[in-house]
């Protein structure tokens, strides 16, 4: 309730004010549906800390084709309901794992690592990003309006790292090179969020063109993060209190018929790093191996560029 009150209620309270009607808005009162194809770049950093120092970092990346389905519905009293879902259509990923372990690590800088493994074959098994928002317009003039809104979103991303190469330190710094068998599952990673957000979107219409920009901020109250190290029979479940969230997006629409437009859009969103507790168990039997308070850290970012068509029915 505290999170809801801080981030959503103030936005919705502002929307209860009465604003003038707009002829521009009345002409577009039909529900709008859209479909788009695009490209998404994902990056997630999985970190391990010890005595305040970062001793391990797994960087998961993917560049994949995605599809987006969306809708919006304007009600008679001026409230607007929006929904959107983006999901992957395929594509591979990449993972690099660095460790800074004594006595071989020469420091904690990016080039001071003692162990490294690289996994070019790290398919993105899942990417799903869904949001639902409710808002209302403030009409600034005949062609410009500001939409204030609040809502909830769900994000789920998962990778598998397979095969790859390694450089480890056993007797001396980086003295042993290794090779993982092609297709061998080495590490699996999952990050999941349910996020509460508030936002503002400014839209301007000029003839057949429409330009819009949007900012959102919120919080993911209880992120879920899970890591399986298959060769070590070791599972990490990391518990976080909350992660801050922010996004920025822009879109250009061009009307090609009475009810149809084509558009291009770009957006960037980020879940900012938070520190949490790491819990360790075996994969095969689920044996409890203990936990390390404050040892986990994670973040997630996504950038999407898309082109699509929308219609009002």
C-alpha atoms as a PDB file:
ATOM      1  CA  UNK A   1       0.000   0.000   0.000  1.00  0.00           C
ATOM      2  CA  UNK A   2       2.898   2.341   0.704  1.00  0.00           C
ATOM      3  CA  UNK A   3       4.350   1.820  -2.796  1.00  0.00           C
ATOM      4  CA  UNK A   4       0.939   2.277  -4.400  1.00  0.00           C
ATOM      5  CA  UNK A   5       0.347   5.488  -2.484  1.00  0.00           C
ATOM      6  CA  UNK A   6       3.728   6.995  -3.372  1.00  0.00           C
ATOM      7  CA  UNK A   7       3.711   6.332  -7.097  1.00  0.00           C
ATOM      8  CA  UNK A   8       0.175   5.827  -8.375  1.00  0.00           C
ATOM      9  CA  UNK A   9      -2.351   7.633  -6.173  1.00  0.00           C
ATOM     10  CA  UNK A  10      -0.866  11.133  -6.690  1.00  0.00           C
ATOM     11  CA  UNK A  11      -1.098  10.685 -10.458  1.00  0.00           C
ATOM     12  CA  UNK A  12      -4.670   9.413 -10.366  1.00  0.00           C
ATOM     13  CA  UNK A  13      -5.683  12.162  -7.958  1.00  0.00           C
ATOM     14  CA  UNK A  14      -4.468  14.789 -10.419  1.00  0.00           C
ATOM     15  CA  UNK A  15      -6.521  13.193 -13.160  1.00  0.00           C
ATOM     16  CA  UNK A  16      -9.810  13.673 -11.310  1.00  0.00           C
ATOM     17  CA  UNK A  17      -9.765  17.377 -12.250  1.00  0.00           C
ATOM     18  CA  UNK A  18     -12.106  18.426 -15.070  1.00  0.00           C
ATOM     19  CA  UNK A  19     -10.479  19.503 -18.319  1.00  0.00           C
ATOM     20  CA  UNK A  20     -12.057  21.001 -21.439  1.00  0.00           C
ATOM     21  CA  UNK A  21     -13.103  18.756 -24.286  1.00  0.00           C
ATOM     22  CA  UNK A  22     -11.210  18.826 -27.581  1.00  0.00           C
ATOM     23  CA  UNK A  23     -12.560  18.464 -31.091  1.00  0.00           C
ATOM     24  CA  UNK A  24      -9.278  16.762 -32.052  1.00  0.00           C
ATOM     25  CA  UNK A  25      -9.781  14.151 -29.347  1.00  0.00           C
ATOM     26  CA  UNK A  26     -13.481  13.640 -30.101  1.00  0.00           C
ATOM     27  CA  UNK A  27     -12.616  12.712 -33.701  1.00  0.00           C
ATOM     28  CA  UNK A  28     -10.443   9.828 -32.434  1.00  0.00           C
ATOM     29  CA  UNK A  29     -12.851   8.383 -29.880  1.00  0.00           C
ATOM     30  CA  UNK A  30     -12.925   4.919 -31.451  1.00  0.00           C
ATOM     31  CA  UNK A  31     -10.773   2.178 -29.854  1.00  0.00           C
ATOM     32  CA  UNK A  32      -7.333   1.980 -31.426  1.00  0.00           C
ATOM     33  CA  UNK A  33      -5.429  -1.245 -32.118  1.00  0.00           C
ATOM     34  CA  UNK A  34      -1.837  -1.465 -33.295  1.00  0.00           C
ATOM     35  CA  UNK A  35       0.714  -4.043 -34.353  1.00  0.00           C
ATOM     36  CA  UNK A  36       4.431  -3.431 -34.855  1.00  0.00           C
ATOM     37  CA  UNK A  37       7.610  -5.293 -35.686  1.00  0.00           C
ATOM     38  CA  UNK A  38      10.880  -4.132 -34.208  1.00  0.00           C
ATOM     39  CA  UNK A  39      14.282  -4.828 -32.768  1.00  0.00           C
ATOM     40  CA  UNK A  40      15.105  -4.958 -29.060  1.00  0.00           C
ATOM     41  CA  UNK A  41      18.505  -4.765 -27.369  1.00  0.00           C
ATOM     42  CA  UNK A  42      18.519  -6.244 -23.865  1.00  0.00           C
ATOM     43  CA  UNK A  43      21.194  -6.085 -21.166  1.00  0.00           C
ATOM     44  CA  UNK A  44      21.137  -7.532 -17.655  1.00  0.00           C
ATOM     45  CA  UNK A  45      23.962  -7.429 -15.123  1.00  0.00           C
ATOM     46  CA  UNK A  46      24.074 -10.071 -12.392  1.00  0.00           C
ATOM     47  CA  UNK A  47      26.550  -9.121  -9.657  1.00  0.00           C
ATOM     48  CA  UNK A  48      28.031 -10.696  -6.518  1.00  0.00           C
ATOM     49  CA  UNK A  49      29.543  -8.608  -3.697  1.00  0.00           C
ATOM     50  CA  UNK A  50      31.750  -9.538  -0.767  1.00  0.00           C
ATOM     51  CA  UNK A  51      32.821  -7.105   1.981  1.00  0.00           C
ATOM     52  CA  UNK A  52      31.621  -4.241  -0.197  1.00  0.00           C
ATOM     53  CA  UNK A  53      33.641  -5.255  -3.268  1.00  0.00           C
ATOM     54  CA  UNK A  54      32.235  -6.726  -6.463  1.00  0.00           C
ATOM     55  CA  UNK A  55      33.781 -10.165  -6.908  1.00  0.00           C
ATOM     56  CA  UNK A  56      31.638 -11.483  -9.780  1.00  0.00           C
ATOM     57  CA  UNK A  57      29.694 -10.025 -12.702  1.00  0.00           C
ATOM     58  CA  UNK A  58      27.676 -11.867 -15.331  1.00  0.00           C
ATOM     59  CA  UNK A  59      26.649  -9.668 -18.239  1.00  0.00           C
ATOM     60  CA  UNK A  60      23.734 -11.052 -20.277  1.00  0.00           C
ATOM     61  CA  UNK A  61      22.947  -9.435 -23.619  1.00  0.00           C
ATOM     62  CA  UNK A  62      20.621 -10.081 -26.548  1.00  0.00           C
ATOM     63  CA  UNK A  63      19.647  -8.367 -29.784  1.00  0.00           C
ATOM     64  CA  UNK A  64      16.414  -9.885 -31.028  1.00  0.00           C
ATOM     65  CA  UNK A  65      13.454  -9.225 -33.333  1.00  0.00           C
ATOM     66  CA  UNK A  66      10.288  -8.432 -31.401  1.00  0.00           C
ATOM     67  CA  UNK A  67       6.571  -7.917 -32.017  1.00  0.00           C
ATOM     68  CA  UNK A  68       4.317  -5.463 -30.207  1.00  0.00           C
ATOM     69  CA  UNK A  69       0.522  -5.549 -29.885  1.00  0.00           C
ATOM     70  CA  UNK A  70      -1.302  -2.601 -28.390  1.00  0.00           C
ATOM     71  CA  UNK A  71      -4.695  -1.024 -27.846  1.00  0.00           C
ATOM     72  CA  UNK A  72      -6.212   2.138 -26.398  1.00  0.00           C
ATOM     73  CA  UNK A  73      -9.792   3.044 -25.561  1.00  0.00           C
ATOM     74  CA  UNK A  74     -11.110   6.518 -24.798  1.00  0.00           C
ATOM     75  CA  UNK A  75     -14.192   6.607 -22.558  1.00  0.00           C
ATOM     76  CA  UNK A  76     -16.969   9.173 -22.729  1.00  0.00           C
ATOM     77  CA  UNK A  77     -15.790  11.007 -19.590  1.00  0.00           C
ATOM     78  CA  UNK A  78     -12.271  11.504 -20.948  1.00  0.00           C
ATOM     79  CA  UNK A  79     -10.474   8.607 -19.259  1.00  0.00           C
ATOM     80  CA  UNK A  80      -8.158   6.554 -21.461  1.00  0.00           C
ATOM     81  CA  UNK A  81      -7.180   2.900 -21.045  1.00  0.00           C
ATOM     82  CA  UNK A  82      -3.956   1.764 -22.750  1.00  0.00           C
ATOM     83  CA  UNK A  83      -2.350  -1.647 -23.012  1.00  0.00           C
ATOM     84  CA  UNK A  84       0.734  -2.979 -24.793  1.00  0.00           C
ATOM     85  CA  UNK A  85       2.638  -6.251 -25.005  1.00  0.00           C
ATOM     86  CA  UNK A  86       6.097  -6.810 -26.515  1.00  0.00           C
ATOM     87  CA  UNK A  87       7.580 -10.281 -26.967  1.00  0.00           C
ATOM     88  CA  UNK A  88      10.562 -11.843 -28.706  1.00  0.00           C
ATOM     89  CA  UNK A  89      10.350 -13.525 -32.112  1.00  0.00           C
ATOM     90  CA  UNK A  90      13.669 -15.374 -31.772  1.00  0.00           C
ATOM     91  CA  UNK A  91      17.313 -14.437 -31.778  1.00  0.00           C
ATOM     92  CA  UNK A  92      20.430 -15.358 -29.870  1.00  0.00           C
ATOM     93  CA  UNK A  93      22.266 -13.738 -26.969  1.00  0.00           C
ATOM     94  CA  UNK A  94      25.691 -13.498 -25.372  1.00  0.00           C
ATOM     95  CA  UNK A  95      27.002 -13.855 -21.825  1.00  0.00           C
ATOM     96  CA  UNK A  96      30.347 -12.974 -20.271  1.00  0.00           C
ATOM     97  CA  UNK A  97      31.253 -13.955 -16.698  1.00  0.00           C
ATOM     98  CA  UNK A  98      34.093 -12.197 -14.830  1.00  0.00           C
ATOM     99  CA  UNK A  99      35.354 -12.981 -11.321  1.00  0.00           C
ATOM    100  CA  UNK A 100      37.753 -11.015  -9.121  1.00  0.00           C
ATOM    101  CA  UNK A 101      39.010 -13.652  -6.678  1.00  0.00           C
ATOM    102  CA  UNK A 102      42.011 -13.621  -4.318  1.00  0.00           C
ATOM    103  CA  UNK A 103      44.903 -14.168  -4.398  1.00  0.00           C
ATOM    104  CA  UNK A 104      45.116 -13.670  -8.173  1.00  0.00           C
ATOM    105  CA  UNK A 105      42.948 -10.628  -8.863  1.00  0.00           C
ATOM    106  CA  UNK A 106      45.145  -7.542  -9.005  1.00  0.00           C
ATOM    107  CA  UNK A 107      42.264  -5.271  -8.015  1.00  0.00           C
ATOM    108  CA  UNK A 108      38.564  -4.817  -8.690  1.00  0.00           C
ATOM    109  CA  UNK A 109      38.741  -2.828 -11.928  1.00  0.00           C
ATOM    110  CA  UNK A 110      37.333  -4.131 -15.224  1.00  0.00           C
ATOM    111  CA  UNK A 111      40.760  -5.411 -16.358  1.00  0.00           C
ATOM    112  CA  UNK A 112      41.836  -6.913 -13.005  1.00  0.00           C
ATOM    113  CA  UNK A 113      39.779 -10.122 -13.202  1.00  0.00           C
ATOM    114  CA  UNK A 114      41.135 -13.519 -12.231  1.00  0.00           C
ATOM    115  CA  UNK A 115      38.544 -15.724 -14.001  1.00  0.00           C
ATOM    116  CA  UNK A 116      36.602 -15.225 -17.206  1.00  0.00           C
ATOM    117  CA  UNK A 117      34.218 -17.311 -19.282  1.00  0.00           C
ATOM    118  CA  UNK A 118      32.605 -16.253 -22.557  1.00  0.00           C
ATOM    119  CA  UNK A 119      29.440 -17.817 -23.981  1.00  0.00           C
ATOM    120  CA  UNK A 120      28.486 -16.592 -27.478  1.00  0.00           C
ATOM    121  CA  UNK A 121      25.723 -19.222 -27.641  1.00  0.00           C
ATOM    122  CA  UNK A 122      23.358 -17.811 -24.993  1.00  0.00           C
ATOM    123  CA  UNK A 123      19.848 -17.934 -26.470  1.00  0.00           C
ATOM    124  CA  UNK A 124      17.226 -15.612 -25.078  1.00  0.00           C
ATOM    125  CA  UNK A 125      14.587 -18.112 -23.992  1.00  0.00           C
ATOM    126  CA  UNK A 126      11.939 -15.563 -23.002  1.00  0.00           C
ATOM    127  CA  UNK A 127      11.244 -11.859 -23.267  1.00  0.00           C
ATOM    128  CA  UNK A 128       7.813 -10.546 -22.361  1.00  0.00           C
ATOM    129  CA  UNK A 129       6.989  -6.955 -21.452  1.00  0.00           C
ATOM    130  CA  UNK A 130       3.326  -6.081 -20.809  1.00  0.00           C
ATOM    131  CA  UNK A 131       1.861  -2.851 -19.436  1.00  0.00           C
ATOM    132  CA  UNK A 132      -1.617  -1.547 -18.660  1.00  0.00           C
ATOM    133  CA  UNK A 133      -2.334   2.094 -17.763  1.00  0.00           C
ATOM    134  CA  UNK A 134      -5.277   4.361 -17.030  1.00  0.00           C
ATOM    135  CA  UNK A 135      -5.049   8.106 -17.578  1.00  0.00           C
ATOM    136  CA  UNK A 136      -6.729  11.338 -18.615  1.00  0.00           C
ATOM    137  CA  UNK A 137      -5.832  14.156 -20.997  1.00  0.00           C
ATOM    138  CA  UNK A 138      -5.121  17.773 -20.199  1.00  0.00           C
ATOM    139  CA  UNK A 139      -5.965  19.700 -23.378  1.00  0.00           C
ATOM    140  CA  UNK A 140      -3.378  22.443 -23.862  1.00  0.00           C
ATOM    141  CA  UNK A 141      -4.741  23.733 -27.194  1.00  0.00           C
ATOM    142  CA  UNK A 142      -6.526  22.430 -30.298  1.00  0.00           C
ATOM    143  CA  UNK A 143      -3.516  20.392 -31.402  1.00  0.00           C
ATOM    144  CA  UNK A 144      -1.632  19.595 -28.175  1.00  0.00           C
ATOM    145  CA  UNK A 145      -2.558  17.526 -25.151  1.00  0.00           C
ATOM    146  CA  UNK A 146      -0.824  16.149 -22.080  1.00  0.00           C
ATOM    147  CA  UNK A 147      -1.839  12.734 -20.781  1.00  0.00           C
ATOM    148  CA  UNK A 148      -1.192  11.886 -17.125  1.00  0.00           C
ATOM    149  CA  UNK A 149      -1.521   8.227 -16.262  1.00  0.00           C
ATOM    150  CA  UNK A 150      -0.610   5.444 -13.887  1.00  0.00           C
ATOM    151  CA  UNK A 151      -0.467   1.713 -14.268  1.00  0.00           C
ATOM    152  CA  UNK A 152       1.224  -1.625 -13.800  1.00  0.00           C
ATOM    153  CA  UNK A 153       3.635  -3.600 -15.978  1.00  0.00           C
ATOM    154  CA  UNK A 154       5.041  -7.134 -16.053  1.00  0.00           C
ATOM    155  CA  UNK A 155       8.517  -7.991 -17.368  1.00  0.00           C
ATOM    156  CA  UNK A 156      10.046 -11.455 -17.711  1.00  0.00           C
ATOM    157  CA  UNK A 157      13.425 -12.233 -19.285  1.00  0.00           C
ATOM    158  CA  UNK A 158      15.395 -15.492 -19.336  1.00  0.00           C
ATOM    159  CA  UNK A 159      18.652 -16.699 -20.924  1.00  0.00           C
ATOM    160  CA  UNK A 160      20.559 -19.995 -21.176  1.00  0.00           C
ATOM    161  CA  UNK A 161      24.361 -19.906 -21.641  1.00  0.00           C
ATOM    162  CA  UNK A 162      25.731 -22.916 -23.526  1.00  0.00           C
ATOM    163  CA  UNK A 163      29.254 -23.929 -24.528  1.00  0.00           C
ATOM    164  CA  UNK A 164      31.959 -21.266 -24.692  1.00  0.00           C
ATOM    165  CA  UNK A 165      35.527 -20.732 -23.525  1.00  0.00           C
ATOM    166  CA  UNK A 166      37.226 -19.866 -20.245  1.00  0.00           C
ATOM    167  CA  UNK A 167      40.424 -18.425 -18.806  1.00  0.00           C
ATOM    168  CA  UNK A 168      40.901 -19.288 -15.118  1.00  0.00           C
ATOM    169  CA  UNK A 169      43.597 -18.752 -12.481  1.00  0.00           C
ATOM    170  CA  UNK A 170      44.799 -21.880 -10.633  1.00  0.00           C
ATOM    171  CA  UNK A 171      48.546 -21.697  -9.977  1.00  0.00           C
ATOM    172  CA  UNK A 172      49.092 -18.226 -11.403  1.00  0.00           C
ATOM    173  CA  UNK A 173      47.067 -15.380 -12.883  1.00  0.00           C
ATOM    174  CA  UNK A 174      45.099 -16.557 -15.944  1.00  0.00           C
ATOM    175  CA  UNK A 175      47.234 -19.648 -16.375  1.00  0.00           C
ATOM    176  CA  UNK A 176      44.549 -22.095 -17.580  1.00  0.00           C
ATOM    177  CA  UNK A 177      42.426 -21.940 -20.733  1.00  0.00           C
ATOM    178  CA  UNK A 178      39.355 -24.124 -21.063  1.00  0.00           C
ATOM    179  CA  UNK A 179      36.614 -25.071 -23.488  1.00  0.00           C
ATOM    180  CA  UNK A 180      32.998 -25.982 -22.771  1.00  0.00           C
ATOM    181  CA  UNK A 181      31.427 -28.537 -25.071  1.00  0.00           C
ATOM    182  CA  UNK A 182      29.143 -27.025 -27.737  1.00  0.00           C
ATOM    183  CA  UNK A 183      25.548 -27.106 -26.593  1.00  0.00           C
ATOM    184  CA  UNK A 184      26.458 -27.857 -22.969  1.00  0.00           C
ATOM    185  CA  UNK A 185      24.184 -25.891 -20.645  1.00  0.00           C
ATOM    186  CA  UNK A 186      26.442 -23.930 -18.288  1.00  0.00           C
ATOM    187  CA  UNK A 187      24.344 -21.175 -16.672  1.00  0.00           C
ATOM    188  CA  UNK A 188      20.654 -20.204 -16.799  1.00  0.00           C
ATOM    189  CA  UNK A 189      19.369 -16.820 -15.683  1.00  0.00           C
ATOM    190  CA  UNK A 190      15.920 -15.341 -15.037  1.00  0.00           C
ATOM    191  CA  UNK A 191      14.756 -11.877 -13.960  1.00  0.00           C
ATOM    192  CA  UNK A 192      11.088 -11.008 -13.370  1.00  0.00           C
ATOM    193  CA  UNK A 193       9.327  -7.764 -12.367  1.00  0.00           C
ATOM    194  CA  UNK A 194       5.860  -6.506 -11.517  1.00  0.00           C
ATOM    195  CA  UNK A 195       6.164  -2.712 -11.627  1.00  0.00           C
ATOM    196  CA  UNK A 196       3.899   0.133 -10.521  1.00  0.00           C
ATOM    197  CA  UNK A 197       4.469   3.365 -12.445  1.00  0.00           C
ATOM    198  CA  UNK A 198       3.206   6.875 -13.135  1.00  0.00           C
ATOM    199  CA  UNK A 199       3.805   8.804 -16.329  1.00  0.00           C
ATOM    200  CA  UNK A 200       3.146  11.745 -18.623  1.00  0.00           C
ATOM    201  CA  UNK A 201       2.792  11.787 -22.415  1.00  0.00           C
ATOM    202  CA  UNK A 202       2.741  14.907 -24.602  1.00  0.00           C
ATOM    203  CA  UNK A 203       1.092  14.640 -28.032  1.00  0.00           C
ATOM    204  CA  UNK A 204       0.936  17.207 -30.849  1.00  0.00           C
ATOM    205  CA  UNK A 205      -1.012  16.872 -34.102  1.00  0.00           C
ATOM    206  CA  UNK A 206       0.020  18.687 -37.292  1.00  0.00           C
ATOM    207  CA  UNK A 207      -2.106  17.793 -40.285  1.00  0.00           C
ATOM    208  CA  UNK A 208      -1.692  14.067 -40.989  1.00  0.00           C
ATOM    209  CA  UNK A 209       1.279  13.891 -38.597  1.00  0.00           C
ATOM    210  CA  UNK A 210       1.200  13.159 -34.887  1.00  0.00           C
ATOM    211  CA  UNK A 211       4.239  13.448 -32.599  1.00  0.00           C
ATOM    212  CA  UNK A 212       4.325  12.095 -29.048  1.00  0.00           C
ATOM    213  CA  UNK A 213       6.858  11.714 -26.248  1.00  0.00           C
ATOM    214  CA  UNK A 214       6.436   9.852 -22.967  1.00  0.00           C
ATOM    215  CA  UNK A 215       8.207   9.630 -19.614  1.00  0.00           C
ATOM    216  CA  UNK A 216       7.480   7.094 -16.889  1.00  0.00           C
ATOM    217  CA  UNK A 217       8.926   6.307 -13.468  1.00  0.00           C
ATOM    218  CA  UNK A 218       8.042   3.729 -10.864  1.00  0.00           C
ATOM    219  CA  UNK A 219       9.178   0.884  -8.694  1.00  0.00           C
ATOM    220  CA  UNK A 220       9.376  -2.901  -8.895  1.00  0.00           C
ATOM    221  CA  UNK A 221       8.491  -3.798  -5.279  1.00  0.00           C
ATOM    222  CA  UNK A 222       9.725  -7.395  -5.216  1.00  0.00           C
ATOM    223  CA  UNK A 223      11.911  -8.428  -8.194  1.00  0.00           C
ATOM    224  CA  UNK A 224      12.593 -12.107  -8.742  1.00  0.00           C
ATOM    225  CA  UNK A 225      16.058 -13.264  -9.831  1.00  0.00           C
ATOM    226  CA  UNK A 226      17.232 -16.853 -10.264  1.00  0.00           C
ATOM    227  CA  UNK A 227      20.516 -18.331 -11.462  1.00  0.00           C
ATOM    228  CA  UNK A 228      21.388 -21.981 -12.142  1.00  0.00           C
ATOM    229  CA  UNK A 229      25.072 -22.950 -12.392  1.00  0.00           C
ATOM    230  CA  UNK A 230      24.512 -26.403 -13.856  1.00  0.00           C
ATOM    231  CA  UNK A 231      28.096 -27.700 -13.771  1.00  0.00           C
ATOM    232  CA  UNK A 232      28.377 -26.846 -10.056  1.00  0.00           C
ATOM    233  CA  UNK A 233      24.884 -28.120  -9.112  1.00  0.00           C
ATOM    234  CA  UNK A 234      24.308 -24.680  -7.574  1.00  0.00           C
ATOM    235  CA  UNK A 235      21.210 -22.478  -7.616  1.00  0.00           C
ATOM    236  CA  UNK A 236      21.028 -18.836  -6.533  1.00  0.00           C
ATOM    237  CA  UNK A 237      17.725 -17.195  -5.543  1.00  0.00           C
ATOM    238  CA  UNK A 238      18.258 -13.514  -4.874  1.00  0.00           C
ATOM    239  CA  UNK A 239      15.832 -11.517  -2.758  1.00  0.00           C
ATOM    240  CA  UNK A 240      15.493  -7.754  -3.380  1.00  0.00           C
ATOM    241  CA  UNK A 241      13.463  -5.158  -1.557  1.00  0.00           C
ATOM    242  CA  UNK A 242      12.727  -3.003  -4.617  1.00  0.00           C
ATOM    243  CA  UNK A 243      14.175  -1.668  -7.861  1.00  0.00           C
ATOM    244  CA  UNK A 244      13.615   1.819  -9.271  1.00  0.00           C
ATOM    245  CA  UNK A 245      12.256   1.946 -12.830  1.00  0.00           C
ATOM    246  CA  UNK A 246      12.257   4.646 -15.523  1.00  0.00           C
ATOM    247  CA  UNK A 247      11.477   4.786 -19.237  1.00  0.00           C
ATOM    248  CA  UNK A 248      11.413   7.234 -22.130  1.00  0.00           C
ATOM    249  CA  UNK A 249       9.672   6.744 -25.467  1.00  0.00           C
ATOM    250  CA  UNK A 250       8.784   8.647 -28.613  1.00  0.00           C
ATOM    251  CA  UNK A 251       6.528   7.972 -31.592  1.00  0.00           C
ATOM    252  CA  UNK A 252       5.715   9.556 -34.964  1.00  0.00           C
ATOM    253  CA  UNK A 253       2.402   8.676 -36.672  1.00  0.00           C
ATOM    254  CA  UNK A 254       1.284   9.450 -40.215  1.00  0.00           C
ATOM    255  CA  UNK A 255      -2.378   9.124 -41.186  1.00  0.00           C
ATOM    256  CA  UNK A 256      -2.784   7.186 -44.449  1.00  0.00           C
ATOM    257  CA  UNK A 257      -6.582   6.798 -44.368  1.00  0.00           C
ATOM    258  CA  UNK A 258      -9.572   7.879 -42.304  1.00  0.00           C
ATOM    259  CA  UNK A 259      -8.995   5.259 -39.613  1.00  0.00           C
ATOM    260  CA  UNK A 260      -5.457   4.026 -40.290  1.00  0.00           C
ATOM    261  CA  UNK A 261      -1.963   5.310 -39.533  1.00  0.00           C
ATOM    262  CA  UNK A 262       1.568   4.038 -39.899  1.00  0.00           C
ATOM    263  CA  UNK A 263       4.117   4.840 -37.214  1.00  0.00           C
ATOM    264  CA  UNK A 264       7.714   4.571 -36.070  1.00  0.00           C
ATOM    265  CA  UNK A 265       8.592   4.373 -32.384  1.00  0.00           C
ATOM    266  CA  UNK A 266      11.634   4.125 -30.128  1.00  0.00           C
ATOM    267  CA  UNK A 267      11.843   3.518 -26.397  1.00  0.00           C
ATOM    268  CA  UNK A 268      14.323   2.843 -23.625  1.00  0.00           C
ATOM    269  CA  UNK A 269      13.572   1.459 -20.175  1.00  0.00           C
ATOM    270  CA  UNK A 270      15.754   0.567 -17.217  1.00  0.00           C
ATOM    271  CA  UNK A 271      15.469  -1.195 -13.875  1.00  0.00           C
ATOM    272  CA  UNK A 272      18.241   0.365 -11.798  1.00  0.00           C
ATOM    273  CA  UNK A 273      20.625  -1.798  -9.789  1.00  0.00           C
ATOM    274  CA  UNK A 274      19.560  -2.743  -6.275  1.00  0.00           C
ATOM    275  CA  UNK A 275      21.340  -4.836  -3.661  1.00  0.00           C
ATOM    276  CA  UNK A 276      19.747  -7.925  -2.157  1.00  0.00           C
ATOM    277  CA  UNK A 277      20.350 -11.176  -0.292  1.00  0.00           C
ATOM    278  CA  UNK A 278      21.595 -14.326  -2.043  1.00  0.00           C
ATOM    279  CA  UNK A 279      20.242 -17.755  -1.077  1.00  0.00           C
ATOM    280  CA  UNK A 280      22.123 -20.890  -2.149  1.00  0.00           C
ATOM    281  CA  UNK A 281      20.716 -24.390  -2.757  1.00  0.00           C
ATOM    282  CA  UNK A 282      21.693 -27.441  -4.786  1.00  0.00           C
ATOM    283  CA  UNK A 283      19.841 -27.869  -8.073  1.00  0.00           C
ATOM    284  CA  UNK A 284      19.333 -31.634  -7.952  1.00  0.00           C
ATOM    285  CA  UNK A 285      18.072 -32.054  -4.391  1.00  0.00           C
ATOM    286  CA  UNK A 286      17.274 -28.506  -3.271  1.00  0.00           C
ATOM    287  CA  UNK A 287      19.610 -28.773  -0.278  1.00  0.00           C
ATOM    288  CA  UNK A 288      19.905 -25.483   1.629  1.00  0.00           C
ATOM    289  CA  UNK A 289      23.496 -24.200   1.520  1.00  0.00           C
ATOM    290  CA  UNK A 290      22.913 -20.903   3.360  1.00  0.00           C
ATOM    291  CA  UNK A 291      22.652 -17.276   2.321  1.00  0.00           C
ATOM    292  CA  UNK A 292      24.762 -14.130   2.048  1.00  0.00           C
ATOM    293  CA  UNK A 293      23.036 -10.863   3.068  1.00  0.00           C
ATOM    294  CA  UNK A 294      23.660  -7.951   0.718  1.00  0.00           C
ATOM    295  CA  UNK A 295      25.711 -10.096  -1.671  1.00  0.00           C
ATOM    296  CA  UNK A 296      23.469  -9.830  -4.757  1.00  0.00           C
ATOM    297  CA  UNK A 297      23.049  -7.028  -7.266  1.00  0.00           C
ATOM    298  CA  UNK A 298      21.122  -6.787 -10.529  1.00  0.00           C
ATOM    299  CA  UNK A 299      19.839  -4.407 -13.192  1.00  0.00           C
ATOM    300  CA  UNK A 300      18.030  -4.691 -16.510  1.00  0.00           C
ATOM    301  CA  UNK A 301      17.645  -2.419 -19.532  1.00  0.00           C
ATOM    302  CA  UNK A 302      15.876  -2.671 -22.891  1.00  0.00           C
ATOM    303  CA  UNK A 303      15.861  -0.470 -25.987  1.00  0.00           C
ATOM    304  CA  UNK A 304      13.309  -1.077 -28.755  1.00  0.00           C
ATOM    305  CA  UNK A 305      12.882   0.458 -32.211  1.00  0.00           C
ATOM    306  CA  UNK A 306       9.708  -0.523 -34.076  1.00  0.00           C
ATOM    307  CA  UNK A 307       7.571   0.211 -37.148  1.00  0.00           C
ATOM    308  CA  UNK A 308       3.896  -0.562 -37.323  1.00  0.00           C
ATOM    309  CA  UNK A 309       0.336   0.196 -38.334  1.00  0.00           C
ATOM    310  CA  UNK A 310      -2.679   1.157 -36.234  1.00  0.00           C
ATOM    311  CA  UNK A 311      -6.392   1.345 -36.880  1.00  0.00           C
ATOM    312  CA  UNK A 312      -9.459   2.697 -35.125  1.00  0.00           C
ATOM    313  CA  UNK A 313     -12.623   0.574 -35.160  1.00  0.00           C
END
